[in-house]
Amino acid sequence: MDDLKDYITALISRSIDIIFVKAPLRTGLGIFIGGTLKFISILFGPVLEKTKLIDVHDAPLYGWVSLGILICHLGTLWHLFSSETIGDESIDQAIQLIERGTFSKVERRQQYRNLIARVLKNLSLEEKLLEHIERMESELKNASLYNNFVRPIDQKSDDA
């Protein structure tokens, strides 16, 4: 059950990233289309009310804007749900470039090996950096504890 929740959460997070960060032009166009749809619904409201198929008169503006954004991002969302992903955008892009490239089998394997080597190198650098940061934090904590508590006590005993 947790795997399903994690998967759904990851999809929602990626969707929000795509909508607002990676494709701002589509989002802006979707907002415009949503506003246009609201205008059209107001303009043709009397005709639509007579058909009684759908009631668009009471639909709020944010509903129309959401529909416009969804329309503009349908292709992006389809690609998001249908493609396999590693989780890191730069790695995913590198894999897509390797797959789209006109490489022979040997060259493609070499490209994948180079990518794996770079990822492993970055992971080892990240681990070393985290260790260094943790060491610095502990040193700072120890120094601040010493400066805030031990020194004032020593200074008080010297003053007396």
Foldseek 3Di string as FASTA:
>chain_A
DVVVVVVVVLLVVVVVCCLVPVCVVLLVQLQVQLVVVLVVCVVCVVVVVVVVPDRPPPDDSVVSSVVSSCVSCVVVSVCSVPDDDPSDVVLRVQLVCLVPDPDDPVVSVVSVVVSVVVVVVVVVVVVVVVVVVVVVVVVVVVVVCCVPPVVVVVVVVVVD
